[in-house]
C-alpha atoms as a PDB file:
ATOM      1  CA  UNK A   1     -66.280  -9.269  14.234  1.00  0.00           C
ATOM      2  CA  UNK A   2     -63.306 -11.200  15.751  1.00  0.00           C
ATOM      3  CA  UNK A   3     -64.477 -10.776  19.217  1.00  0.00           C
ATOM      4  CA  UNK A   4     -67.871 -12.396  18.005  1.00  0.00           C
ATOM      5  CA  UNK A   5     -66.511 -15.203  16.450  1.00  0.00           C
ATOM      6  CA  UNK A   6     -63.970 -15.877  19.489  1.00  0.00           C
ATOM      7  CA  UNK A   7     -67.201 -15.653  21.530  1.00  0.00           C
ATOM      8  CA  UNK A   8     -69.142 -18.317  19.678  1.00  0.00           C
ATOM      9  CA  UNK A   9     -66.111 -20.585  19.601  1.00  0.00           C
ATOM     10  CA  UNK A  10     -65.829 -20.338  23.243  1.00  0.00           C
ATOM     11  CA  UNK A  11     -69.271 -21.077  23.726  1.00  0.00           C
ATOM     12  CA  UNK A  12     -69.190 -23.846  21.386  1.00  0.00           C
ATOM     13  CA  UNK A  13     -66.241 -25.499  23.108  1.00  0.00           C
ATOM     14  CA  UNK A  14     -67.886 -24.920  26.737  1.00  0.00           C
ATOM     15  CA  UNK A  15     -71.181 -26.488  25.423  1.00  0.00           C
ATOM     16  CA  UNK A  16     -69.475 -29.675  23.788  1.00  0.00           C
ATOM     17  CA  UNK A  17     -68.937 -32.573  25.995  1.00  0.00           C
ATOM     18  CA  UNK A  18     -65.329 -33.599  26.097  1.00  0.00           C
ATOM     19  CA  UNK A  19     -64.986 -37.506  25.049  1.00  0.00           C
ATOM     20  CA  UNK A  20     -63.805 -40.048  27.670  1.00  0.00           C
ATOM     21  CA  UNK A  21     -59.910 -40.674  27.287  1.00  0.00           C
ATOM     22  CA  UNK A  22     -59.015 -43.827  25.177  1.00  0.00           C
ATOM     23  CA  UNK A  23     -57.567 -46.650  27.041  1.00  0.00           C
ATOM     24  CA  UNK A  24     -54.403 -46.036  25.321  1.00  0.00           C
ATOM     25  CA  UNK A  25     -54.147 -42.588  26.437  1.00  0.00           C
ATOM     26  CA  UNK A  26     -54.946 -43.471  30.137  1.00  0.00           C
ATOM     27  CA  UNK A  27     -52.056 -46.086  29.819  1.00  0.00           C
ATOM     28  CA  UNK A  28     -49.731 -43.284  28.662  1.00  0.00           C
ATOM     29  CA  UNK A  29     -50.728 -40.874  31.226  1.00  0.00           C
ATOM     30  CA  UNK A  30     -49.922 -43.854  33.808  1.00  0.00           C
ATOM     31  CA  UNK A  31     -46.715 -44.037  32.171  1.00  0.00           C
ATOM     32  CA  UNK A  32     -45.751 -40.748  32.140  1.00  0.00           C
ATOM     33  CA  UNK A  33     -46.387 -40.347  35.885  1.00  0.00           C
ATOM     34  CA  UNK A  34     -44.508 -43.227  36.696  1.00  0.00           C
ATOM     35  CA  UNK A  35     -41.625 -42.030  34.335  1.00  0.00           C
ATOM     36  CA  UNK A  36     -41.910 -38.663  36.262  1.00  0.00           C
ATOM     37  CA  UNK A  37     -40.452 -40.547  39.545  1.00  0.00           C
ATOM     38  CA  UNK A  38     -38.440 -43.089  37.948  1.00  0.00           C
ATOM     39  CA  UNK A  39     -36.921 -41.252  35.024  1.00  0.00           C
ATOM     40  CA  UNK A  40     -37.464 -41.174  31.234  1.00  0.00           C
ATOM     41  CA  UNK A  41     -37.417 -44.549  29.457  1.00  0.00           C
ATOM     42  CA  UNK A  42     -37.750 -46.862  32.403  1.00  0.00           C
ATOM     43  CA  UNK A  43     -41.413 -47.961  31.919  1.00  0.00           C
ATOM     44  CA  UNK A  44     -41.363 -50.882  29.626  1.00  0.00           C
ATOM     45  CA  UNK A  45     -45.161 -51.512  29.501  1.00  0.00           C
ATOM     46  CA  UNK A  46     -48.114 -49.646  30.587  1.00  0.00           C
ATOM     47  CA  UNK A  47     -51.674 -50.907  29.949  1.00  0.00           C
ATOM     48  CA  UNK A  48     -55.268 -50.655  31.304  1.00  0.00           C
ATOM     49  CA  UNK A  49     -57.352 -53.683  32.598  1.00  0.00           C
ATOM     50  CA  UNK A  50     -60.343 -54.471  34.591  1.00  0.00           C
ATOM     51  CA  UNK A  51     -62.392 -51.813  32.834  1.00  0.00           C
ATOM     52  CA  UNK A  52     -59.861 -49.264  33.160  1.00  0.00           C
ATOM     53  CA  UNK A  53     -59.712 -49.512  36.955  1.00  0.00           C
ATOM     54  CA  UNK A  54     -56.274 -51.287  37.020  1.00  0.00           C
ATOM     55  CA  UNK A  55     -52.938 -50.328  35.748  1.00  0.00           C
ATOM     56  CA  UNK A  56     -50.525 -53.080  34.829  1.00  0.00           C
ATOM     57  CA  UNK A  57     -47.073 -51.918  34.559  1.00  0.00           C
ATOM     58  CA  UNK A  58     -43.368 -53.069  34.025  1.00  0.00           C
ATOM     59  CA  UNK A  59     -40.608 -50.840  34.907  1.00  0.00           C
ATOM     60  CA  UNK A  60     -36.595 -51.038  35.202  1.00  0.00           C
ATOM     61  CA  UNK A  61     -35.488 -50.233  38.667  1.00  0.00           C
ATOM     62  CA  UNK A  62     -34.429 -46.765  39.102  1.00  0.00           C
ATOM     63  CA  UNK A  63     -32.615 -47.538  42.472  1.00  0.00           C
ATOM     64  CA  UNK A  64     -31.200 -51.248  42.323  1.00  0.00           C
ATOM     65  CA  UNK A  65     -27.216 -51.483  42.926  1.00  0.00           C
ATOM     66  CA  UNK A  66     -25.880 -54.775  43.276  1.00  0.00           C
ATOM     67  CA  UNK A  67     -23.631 -53.418  46.136  1.00  0.00           C
ATOM     68  CA  UNK A  68     -26.238 -52.482  48.440  1.00  0.00           C
ATOM     69  CA  UNK A  69     -27.212 -54.947  51.080  1.00  0.00           C
ATOM     70  CA  UNK A  70     -30.348 -56.937  50.705  1.00  0.00           C
ATOM     71  CA  UNK A  71     -32.535 -54.879  53.269  1.00  0.00           C
ATOM     72  CA  UNK A  72     -31.559 -51.579  51.673  1.00  0.00           C
ATOM     73  CA  UNK A  73     -32.614 -52.932  48.058  1.00  0.00           C
ATOM     74  CA  UNK A  74     -35.689 -54.137  49.382  1.00  0.00           C
ATOM     75  CA  UNK A  75     -36.395 -50.753  51.177  1.00  0.00           C
ATOM     76  CA  UNK A  76     -35.591 -48.966  47.698  1.00  0.00           C
ATOM     77  CA  UNK A  77     -37.695 -51.074  45.609  1.00  0.00           C
ATOM     78  CA  UNK A  78     -40.696 -50.520  48.000  1.00  0.00           C
ATOM     79  CA  UNK A  79     -40.112 -46.759  47.890  1.00  0.00           C
ATOM     80  CA  UNK A  80     -40.218 -47.050  44.048  1.00  0.00           C
ATOM     81  CA  UNK A  81     -43.485 -48.539  44.305  1.00  0.00           C
ATOM     82  CA  UNK A  82     -44.913 -46.344  46.776  1.00  0.00           C
ATOM     83  CA  UNK A  83     -43.883 -43.228  44.924  1.00  0.00           C
ATOM     84  CA  UNK A  84     -45.091 -44.360  41.483  1.00  0.00           C
ATOM     85  CA  UNK A  85     -48.428 -45.773  42.937  1.00  0.00           C
ATOM     86  CA  UNK A  86     -49.335 -42.689  44.906  1.00  0.00           C
ATOM     87  CA  UNK A  87     -48.669 -40.649  41.704  1.00  0.00           C
ATOM     88  CA  UNK A  88     -50.990 -42.276  39.753  1.00  0.00           C
ATOM     89  CA  UNK A  89     -53.757 -42.811  42.499  1.00  0.00           C
ATOM     90  CA  UNK A  90     -53.679 -39.016  43.176  1.00  0.00           C
ATOM     91  CA  UNK A  91     -54.133 -38.190  39.725  1.00  0.00           C
ATOM     92  CA  UNK A  92     -56.101 -41.206  37.986  1.00  0.00           C
ATOM     93  CA  UNK A  93     -58.990 -41.053  40.597  1.00  0.00           C
ATOM     94  CA  UNK A  94     -60.866 -43.983  38.910  1.00  0.00           C
ATOM     95  CA  UNK A  95     -57.662 -46.413  39.082  1.00  0.00           C
ATOM     96  CA  UNK A  96     -58.259 -48.741  41.903  1.00  0.00           C
ATOM     97  CA  UNK A  97     -55.151 -50.786  41.887  1.00  0.00           C
ATOM     98  CA  UNK A  98     -51.599 -51.005  40.149  1.00  0.00           C
ATOM     99  CA  UNK A  99     -49.916 -54.356  39.461  1.00  0.00           C
ATOM    100  CA  UNK A 100     -46.348 -54.137  38.997  1.00  0.00           C
ATOM    101  CA  UNK A 101     -43.121 -55.823  38.124  1.00  0.00           C
ATOM    102  CA  UNK A 102     -39.763 -54.085  38.601  1.00  0.00           C
ATOM    103  CA  UNK A 103     -37.127 -55.419  36.621  1.00  0.00           C
ATOM    104  CA  UNK A 104     -33.444 -55.202  35.619  1.00  0.00           C
ATOM    105  CA  UNK A 105     -32.741 -56.213  32.241  1.00  0.00           C
ATOM    106  CA  UNK A 106     -34.355 -59.714  31.912  1.00  0.00           C
ATOM    107  CA  UNK A 107     -34.101 -60.148  35.588  1.00  0.00           C
ATOM    108  CA  UNK A 108     -37.547 -59.686  37.899  1.00  0.00           C
ATOM    109  CA  UNK A 109     -36.556 -57.891  40.940  1.00  0.00           C
ATOM    110  CA  UNK A 110     -39.914 -57.629  42.610  1.00  0.00           C
ATOM    111  CA  UNK A 111     -43.635 -57.738  41.611  1.00  0.00           C
ATOM    112  CA  UNK A 112     -46.943 -57.162  43.331  1.00  0.00           C
ATOM    113  CA  UNK A 113     -49.872 -54.983  43.700  1.00  0.00           C
ATOM    114  CA  UNK A 114     -50.923 -51.671  45.441  1.00  0.00           C
ATOM    115  CA  UNK A 115     -54.508 -50.853  46.001  1.00  0.00           C
ATOM    116  CA  UNK A 116     -56.299 -47.850  47.328  1.00  0.00           C
ATOM    117  CA  UNK A 117     -56.741 -47.809  51.103  1.00  0.00           C
ATOM    118  CA  UNK A 118     -54.981 -51.365  51.552  1.00  0.00           C
ATOM    119  CA  UNK A 119     -51.393 -52.423  52.455  1.00  0.00           C
ATOM    120  CA  UNK A 120     -49.272 -52.922  49.295  1.00  0.00           C
ATOM    121  CA  UNK A 121     -48.384 -56.666  48.679  1.00  0.00           C
ATOM    122  CA  UNK A 122     -44.853 -57.145  47.114  1.00  0.00           C
ATOM    123  CA  UNK A 123     -42.868 -60.310  46.481  1.00  0.00           C
ATOM    124  CA  UNK A 124     -39.195 -59.990  46.032  1.00  0.00           C
ATOM    125  CA  UNK A 125     -36.708 -62.000  43.877  1.00  0.00           C
ATOM    126  CA  UNK A 126     -35.370 -65.188  45.759  1.00  0.00           C
ATOM    127  CA  UNK A 127     -31.924 -63.727  46.289  1.00  0.00           C
ATOM    128  CA  UNK A 128     -33.591 -60.464  47.792  1.00  0.00           C
ATOM    129  CA  UNK A 129     -35.310 -62.586  50.480  1.00  0.00           C
ATOM    130  CA  UNK A 130     -38.612 -63.215  48.445  1.00  0.00           C
END
């Protein structure tokens, strides 16, 4: 009897369509992917836009150190963006671009966008040569 019930539940679950993820769920997935790279609690905001094809995200820099030279800081910020966006693009195949801002407290360090199959655009804070 237990085997029959299990088989019926299995057939029912297989035949039932899985509903599409809610926008909030997709934004949470993007947040989790970014925090896998940056560290837990670093993403301030994550939301979907443009028919869920765009992730808009603000995160605290995981690499910024005031003692680093300007060029090193820029390289590290670019690496953060690359790692975060590649993770999102690999898992969330319907996402076409990620718009981002990297902050340190209330200070904006960099912002820009990464798009599939296109060069990343990034603008740095003035004191970082932006």
